[in-house]
Amino acid sequence: MHARSSRGQWLSGAVLLAAVVGGCAGPLDPATRPVLATGDGTSSATIGIEAWARNSPIYPLEIGNRWRHARVYAVSIVPDDGKPAALSTYHSERESELLCTQSFDGVPYVVERAIEREPQRMITAWIFYRQDATGLYERDVLGTDPPPCQGTATEVADRGAAKAPLDENAIEGLLVARPVAEREGFGVALRALRERVAALDRIRPAGAGVMLASTSQGAGPGELTRLSYPLERRQRWAVRDEPTFRMTATVEGLEALDLPPGRLRGYRIRLETAAFGPKDIVRVWYGRSGYLQLVAHFELDATDVEGNLVGRAIIDQRETLVDLSLAGELVAQPPKLRGG
């Protein structure tokens, strides 16, 4: 009864990284310098808002659906004196699967198990989604214990010591070749960018996110609003709305993305918060195939103790869907061949 859309074998870590940062992959290119291009996606083409896209809800919350995403986190300092940039990259993979339903205060949620595989450890988290005619919502809590409906032991648990992508050792490594007079300025800029990334991580899919959900339509107390229906260009909503932290989402358009599983259509959504700077850009893509992609660029000028510009600090992130298996109709078309 069910057709499956899947690439078959999942890619190895090395190939995942190449697929995300290679010459044909788009904005993130750690081989030179991380840059967020204006193309906003992986060889994407903007298309009109169609009847296909107006129907809500759109997110595939069917038990058994699986996704795999590759994540690349690249940090660089670009000196103003023309010398080569210093670059540090970090990559991980995340496997997600919808396993069961679980009710909280009488409200049913679909349970997603997310396993993040990092260089030094593997982490399992549980995410709880619900969807109605008004949007896609998530319980604003990061669960580390298997829910009762899961029924079996989790595949992996936290292992080994965590190594943050931009800890103090990583910062020192980037600055070691720079003159002493410049190190403080670059260090201040990198730490400030690290705080901006932390703001993004507060709503990162399958990352940050009681607990008493409302039975009415719309977001209940303790819920994030991932998507607000109907999705239309310039549609705007608050993903998280707190007195001390507000992040908004704005639909910019519907695009066709050539990703490893094939050509997928999704909404390009811009995320904004007061914590971001004027050069920062964060976009996510969602469609009938689920969460497709994230592209984030954070940039800040670095100055020495006298206020002179010494360069720029940059953090680029990309999360890309590299494999999926969905129950129901086929959701992907084979990607078009491209040069590069």
Protein backbone atom coordinates (compact mmCIF):
# COMPACT_ATOMS: atom_id res chain seq x y z
CA MET A 1 0.00 0.00 0.00
CA HIS A 2 2.87 2.40 0.74
CA ALA A 3 5.52 3.54 -1.67
CA ARG A 4 8.87 4.61 -0.29
CA SER A 5 11.13 7.41 -1.38
CA SER A 6 14.68 6.64 -0.35
CA ARG A 7 18.21 6.81 -1.63
CA GLY A 8 18.90 3.31 -0.39
CA GLN A 9 22.24 3.20 1.36
CA TRP A 10 23.14 6.16 3.52
CA LEU A 11 26.38 7.96 2.77
CA SER A 12 29.57 7.71 4.80
CA GLY A 13 30.72 10.66 6.88
CA ALA A 14 33.37 11.71 4.38
CA VAL A 15 30.96 11.66 1.48
CA LEU A 16 28.36 13.53 3.54
CA LEU A 17 30.81 16.32 4.13
CA ALA A 18 31.77 16.45 0.47
CA ALA A 19 28.13 16.56 -0.58
CA VAL A 20 27.46 19.51 1.67
CA VAL A 21 30.57 21.61 1.01
CA GLY A 22 31.60 20.56 -2.47
CA GLY A 23 31.76 22.86 -5.46
CA CYS A 24 28.21 22.06 -6.57
CA ALA A 25 26.73 22.28 -3.10
CA GLY A 26 26.32 26.03 -2.99
CA PRO A 27 26.99 28.68 -0.36
CA LEU A 28 29.24 26.85 2.09
CA ASP A 29 32.72 26.21 0.74
CA PRO A 30 35.30 25.61 3.51
CA ALA A 31 37.97 24.82 0.91
CA THR A 32 38.29 28.58 0.44
CA ARG A 33 36.28 30.76 2.77
CA PRO A 34 32.74 30.21 4.07
CA VAL A 35 30.43 32.45 2.11
CA LEU A 36 26.65 32.68 2.05
CA ALA A 37 25.74 33.37 -1.55
CA THR A 38 22.53 35.07 -2.60
CA GLY A 39 21.21 31.89 -4.19
CA ASP A 40 19.79 30.82 -0.82
CA GLY A 41 19.96 27.13 -1.48
CA THR A 42 21.45 24.18 -3.26
CA SER A 43 21.02 25.11 -6.93
CA SER A 44 17.52 26.25 -6.06
CA ALA A 45 14.97 27.82 -8.38
CA THR A 46 12.15 29.93 -6.99
CA ILE A 47 8.71 28.87 -8.17
CA GLY A 48 5.27 30.31 -7.64
CA ILE A 49 3.00 29.56 -4.71
CA GLU A 50 0.83 26.80 -6.17
CA ALA A 51 -2.34 25.02 -5.13
CA TRP A 52 -0.06 22.14 -4.10
CA ALA A 53 1.53 24.42 -1.56
CA ARG A 54 -1.60 26.11 -0.27
CA ASN A 55 -3.09 22.92 1.12
CA SER A 56 -2.43 22.55 4.83
CA PRO A 57 -1.14 20.82 6.78
CA ILE A 58 1.97 19.96 4.79
CA TYR A 59 4.45 18.36 7.22
CA PRO A 60 4.65 14.53 6.91
CA LEU A 61 3.91 13.31 10.45
CA GLU A 62 3.43 9.64 9.56
CA ILE A 63 4.88 6.96 11.83
CA GLY A 64 7.89 5.33 10.20
CA ASN A 65 9.11 8.39 8.30
CA ARG A 66 12.89 8.77 8.48
CA TRP A 67 15.37 11.50 7.57
CA ARG A 68 19.12 11.94 7.64
CA HIS A 69 20.79 15.36 7.63
CA ALA A 70 24.44 16.34 7.33
CA ARG A 71 25.63 19.34 9.28
CA VAL A 72 28.72 21.45 8.58
CA TYR A 73 29.89 24.18 10.95
CA ALA A 74 32.73 26.33 9.62
CA VAL A 75 34.55 29.07 11.54
CA SER A 76 37.03 31.43 9.95
CA ILE A 77 38.88 34.67 10.52
CA VAL A 78 39.59 36.77 7.44
CA PRO A 79 42.48 39.19 8.07
CA ASP A 80 42.25 42.66 6.59
CA ASP A 81 45.91 42.55 5.54
CA GLY A 82 45.25 40.15 2.68
CA LYS A 83 46.86 37.12 4.31
CA PRO A 84 45.08 33.75 4.00
CA ALA A 85 42.09 33.13 6.19
CA ALA A 86 42.30 30.69 9.08
CA LEU A 87 39.56 28.07 8.91
CA SER A 88 38.20 25.38 11.21
CA THR A 89 35.40 22.97 10.20
CA TYR A 90 33.26 20.59 12.19
CA HIS A 91 30.69 18.14 10.90
CA SER A 92 28.08 15.80 12.24
CA GLU A 93 25.09 13.76 11.09
CA ARG A 94 21.58 13.49 12.45
CA GLU A 95 19.18 10.58 11.94
CA SER A 96 15.51 11.21 12.72
CA GLU A 97 12.59 8.79 12.81
CA LEU A 98 8.93 9.14 13.78
CA LEU A 99 8.26 6.23 16.14
CA CYS A 100 4.92 6.55 17.94
CA THR A 101 2.42 8.93 19.53
CA GLN A 102 2.47 10.16 23.10
CA SER A 103 -0.16 12.24 24.90
CA PHE A 104 0.61 15.04 27.34
CA ASP A 105 -2.30 16.42 29.32
CA GLY A 106 -4.64 14.72 26.86
CA VAL A 107 -3.02 16.18 23.74
CA PRO A 108 -1.38 13.64 21.37
CA TYR A 109 2.06 14.32 19.91
CA VAL A 110 4.05 12.40 17.32
CA VAL A 111 7.37 11.31 18.84
CA GLU A 112 10.56 11.78 16.85
CA ARG A 113 13.82 10.15 17.90
CA ALA A 114 16.81 12.21 16.77
CA ILE A 115 20.29 10.69 16.96
CA GLU A 116 23.10 13.18 16.42
CA ARG A 117 26.46 11.63 15.60
CA GLU A 118 29.34 13.92 16.42
CA PRO A 119 33.07 13.26 16.15
CA GLN A 120 33.40 12.53 19.88
CA ARG A 121 29.97 11.23 20.84
CA MET A 122 26.45 10.24 19.85
CA ILE A 123 23.44 11.95 21.41
CA THR A 124 19.82 10.82 21.44
CA ALA A 125 17.00 13.32 21.88
CA TRP A 126 13.22 13.09 21.67
CA ILE A 127 11.09 15.71 19.93
CA PHE A 128 7.31 15.94 20.16
CA TYR A 129 5.27 17.36 17.26
CA ARG A 130 1.62 18.02 16.65
CA GLN A 131 -0.07 19.56 13.65
CA ASP A 132 -3.46 21.03 12.91
CA ALA A 133 -4.98 23.31 10.29
CA THR A 134 -3.19 26.32 11.79
CA GLY A 135 0.36 25.04 11.89
CA LEU A 136 3.11 22.65 12.99
CA TYR A 137 3.95 22.86 16.69
CA GLU A 138 6.66 21.39 18.91
CA ARG A 139 6.77 20.94 22.67
CA ASP A 140 9.44 23.36 23.82
CA VAL A 141 11.51 20.84 25.71
CA LEU A 142 14.51 18.70 24.79
CA GLY A 143 13.88 15.16 25.95
CA THR A 144 16.78 12.81 26.63
CA ASP A 145 14.79 9.88 28.11
CA PRO A 146 12.79 7.53 25.86
CA PRO A 147 9.04 8.22 26.11
CA PRO A 148 6.83 5.37 27.39
CA CYS A 149 5.36 4.76 23.94
CA GLN A 150 8.79 4.02 22.51
CA GLY A 151 8.89 0.71 24.34
CA THR A 152 12.50 -0.28 23.70
CA ALA A 153 15.90 0.96 24.75
CA THR A 154 17.31 3.83 22.78
CA GLU A 155 19.89 2.91 20.15
CA VAL A 156 22.63 5.10 21.55
CA ALA A 157 23.31 7.24 24.57
CA ASP A 158 25.72 10.07 25.22
CA ARG A 159 29.24 8.79 24.81
CA GLY A 160 32.57 10.43 25.36
CA ALA A 161 33.45 14.00 26.13
CA ALA A 162 31.66 16.71 24.21
CA LYS A 163 33.83 18.95 22.08
CA ALA A 164 32.08 22.20 21.21
CA PRO A 165 32.63 23.40 17.63
CA LEU A 166 33.95 26.73 18.91
CA ASP A 167 35.41 26.20 22.35
CA GLU A 168 38.35 28.19 23.71
CA ASN A 169 40.88 25.74 22.28
CA ALA A 170 39.37 26.14 18.82
CA ILE A 171 39.50 29.92 19.11
CA GLU A 172 43.14 29.81 20.17
CA GLY A 173 43.95 27.55 17.25
CA LEU A 174 42.46 30.03 14.79
CA LEU A 175 44.37 32.94 16.31
CA VAL A 176 47.77 31.39 16.86
CA ALA A 177 49.25 32.73 13.61
CA ARG A 178 47.93 36.26 14.04
CA PRO A 179 49.93 39.10 15.67
CA VAL A 180 49.36 39.44 19.38
CA ALA A 181 47.80 42.87 18.91
CA GLU A 182 45.03 41.36 16.75
CA ARG A 183 44.22 38.29 18.78
CA GLU A 184 42.03 40.02 21.33
CA GLY A 185 39.91 41.68 18.65
CA PHE A 186 39.37 38.46 16.73
CA GLY A 187 38.69 36.59 19.97
CA VAL A 188 36.03 39.09 21.03
CA ALA A 189 34.35 38.82 17.62
CA LEU A 190 34.38 35.02 17.61
CA ARG A 191 32.89 34.78 21.09
CA ALA A 192 30.16 37.26 20.13
CA LEU A 193 29.31 35.16 17.07
CA ARG A 194 29.24 32.06 19.25
CA GLU A 195 26.46 33.68 21.28
CA ARG A 196 24.48 34.37 18.12
CA VAL A 197 24.74 30.74 17.09
CA ALA A 198 23.54 29.79 20.57
CA ALA A 199 20.44 31.94 19.95
CA LEU A 200 19.75 29.98 16.77
CA ASP A 201 20.25 26.70 18.60
CA ARG A 202 17.36 27.62 20.92
CA ILE A 203 14.96 26.83 18.07
CA ARG A 204 17.15 24.63 15.85
CA PRO A 205 15.11 21.71 14.45
CA ALA A 206 15.69 18.57 16.48
CA GLY A 207 18.06 20.50 18.68
CA ALA A 208 16.40 22.83 21.16
CA GLY A 209 13.30 22.03 21.57
CA VAL A 210 5.26 21.98 29.60
CA MET A 211 4.27 21.35 28.97
CA LEU A 212 0.60 21.84 29.28
CA ALA A 213 -0.44 22.01 25.65
CA SER A 214 -3.71 23.62 24.72
CA THR A 215 -6.42 21.49 23.12
CA SER A 216 -7.46 24.41 20.91
CA GLN A 217 -5.93 25.14 17.52
CA GLY A 218 -2.83 27.27 17.43
CA ALA A 219 0.24 27.16 19.66
CA GLY A 220 -0.41 26.20 23.25
CA PRO A 221 1.64 27.19 26.30
CA GLY A 222 5.11 25.69 26.12
CA GLU A 223 5.11 25.14 22.37
CA LEU A 224 7.23 26.43 19.48
CA THR A 225 5.51 27.32 16.22
CA ARG A 226 7.56 25.66 13.49
CA LEU A 227 5.15 26.48 10.65
CA SER A 228 2.07 28.70 10.52
CA TYR A 229 -0.55 27.73 7.92
CA PRO A 230 -1.41 28.57 5.25
CA LEU A 231 2.15 29.15 4.08
CA GLU A 232 2.15 32.13 1.76
CA ARG A 233 4.78 34.61 0.69
CA ARG A 234 5.38 37.23 3.41
CA GLN A 235 3.54 35.12 5.99
CA ARG A 236 5.13 35.96 9.36
CA TRP A 237 4.88 34.43 12.83
CA ALA A 238 6.76 34.08 16.11
CA VAL A 239 8.63 30.79 16.42
CA ARG A 240 9.42 31.57 20.04
CA ASP A 241 7.94 34.57 21.83
CA GLU A 242 9.32 35.26 25.29
CA PRO A 243 9.93 38.52 27.16
CA THR A 244 13.69 37.98 26.86
CA PHE A 245 13.86 36.18 23.52
CA ARG A 246 11.72 36.51 20.40
CA MET A 247 12.45 34.82 17.09
CA THR A 248 10.26 35.35 14.06
CA ALA A 249 9.89 33.48 10.78
CA THR A 250 8.95 34.97 7.40
CA VAL A 251 8.10 32.99 4.26
CA GLU A 252 10.17 34.27 1.34
CA GLY A 253 8.96 31.89 -1.36
CA LEU A 254 8.62 28.34 -2.60
CA GLU A 255 11.66 26.73 -4.21
CA ALA A 256 12.79 23.57 -5.94
CA LEU A 257 15.99 22.26 -4.33
CA ASP A 258 18.31 19.72 -5.91
CA LEU A 259 19.34 17.69 -2.86
CA PRO A 260 20.91 14.21 -2.62
CA PRO A 261 17.50 12.47 -2.41
CA GLY A 262 16.31 14.29 -5.55
CA ARG A 263 14.50 17.46 -6.50
CA LEU A 264 12.33 18.55 -3.57
CA ARG A 265 10.08 21.57 -3.18
CA GLY A 266 10.07 23.56 0.00
CA TYR A 267 9.36 26.94 1.50
CA ARG A 268 12.32 29.22 2.10
CA ILE A 269 11.79 30.80 5.50
CA ARG A 270 13.94 33.58 7.00
CA LEU A 271 14.54 33.51 10.75
CA GLU A 272 15.22 36.75 12.63
CA THR A 273 15.91 37.84 16.19
CA ALA A 274 17.37 40.90 17.86
CA ALA A 275 20.35 38.73 18.84
CA PHE A 276 21.50 38.59 15.20
CA GLY A 277 23.67 41.28 13.61
CA PRO A 278 23.13 43.25 10.38
CA LYS A 279 25.29 40.86 8.33
CA ASP A 280 23.74 37.69 9.72
CA ILE A 281 21.41 35.61 7.54
CA VAL A 282 19.51 32.49 8.64
CA ARG A 283 17.12 30.55 6.42
CA VAL A 284 15.40 27.18 6.71
CA TRP A 285 13.45 25.16 4.14
CA TYR A 286 10.37 23.01 4.88
CA GLY A 287 8.12 21.11 2.50
CA ARG A 288 5.97 18.02 2.10
CA SER A 289 9.15 15.98 2.51
CA GLY A 290 9.80 17.55 5.92
CA TYR A 291 12.72 19.67 7.09
CA LEU A 292 15.00 20.08 4.06
CA GLN A 293 17.79 22.50 4.80
CA LEU A 294 19.25 25.25 6.95
CA VAL A 295 21.78 27.84 5.79
CA ALA A 296 23.15 30.33 8.32
CA HIS A 297 25.84 32.99 8.00
CA PHE A 298 27.14 35.04 10.94
CA GLU A 299 29.71 37.78 10.42
CA LEU A 300 31.29 40.46 12.61
CA ASP A 301 34.13 42.94 12.14
CA ALA A 302 37.14 42.55 14.41
CA THR A 303 39.11 45.57 15.68
CA ASP A 304 42.31 46.00 17.65
CA VAL A 305 42.60 47.84 20.98
CA GLU A 306 42.81 51.17 19.13
CA GLY A 307 39.64 50.52 17.15
CA ASN A 308 41.35 49.76 13.85
CA LEU A 309 39.75 47.13 11.63
CA VAL A 310 41.87 43.97 11.53
CA GLY A 311 39.50 41.64 9.71
CA ARG A 312 36.26 39.70 9.98
CA ALA A 313 35.12 36.73 12.02
CA ILE A 314 32.69 34.40 10.25
CA ILE A 315 30.64 31.37 11.24
CA ASP A 316 28.73 29.46 8.57
CA GLN A 317 26.37 26.57 9.16
CA ARG A 318 24.58 24.28 6.78
CA GLU A 319 22.24 21.38 7.50
CA THR A 320 21.24 19.45 4.40
CA LEU A 321 18.82 16.57 3.90
CA VAL A 322 20.87 13.74 2.41
CA ASP A 323 18.45 10.82 2.72
CA LEU A 324 14.80 10.18 3.51
CA SER A 325 12.27 7.36 3.58
CA LEU A 326 8.63 8.43 3.65
CA ALA A 327 5.49 6.34 3.69
CA GLY A 328 2.98 7.23 1.01
CA GLU A 329 3.56 8.70 -2.43
CA LEU A 330 6.96 9.44 -3.91
CA VAL A 331 8.11 12.88 -2.89
CA ALA A 332 11.32 13.35 -4.86
CA GLN A 333 12.29 13.69 -8.50
CA PRO A 334 15.79 12.70 -9.65
CA PRO A 335 18.11 15.70 -9.41
CA LYS A 336 19.11 17.38 -12.65
CA LEU A 337 22.70 16.95 -13.67
CA ARG A 338 24.79 20.07 -13.17
CA GLY A 339 28.35 20.97 -13.94
CA GLY A 340 30.74 21.88 -11.13
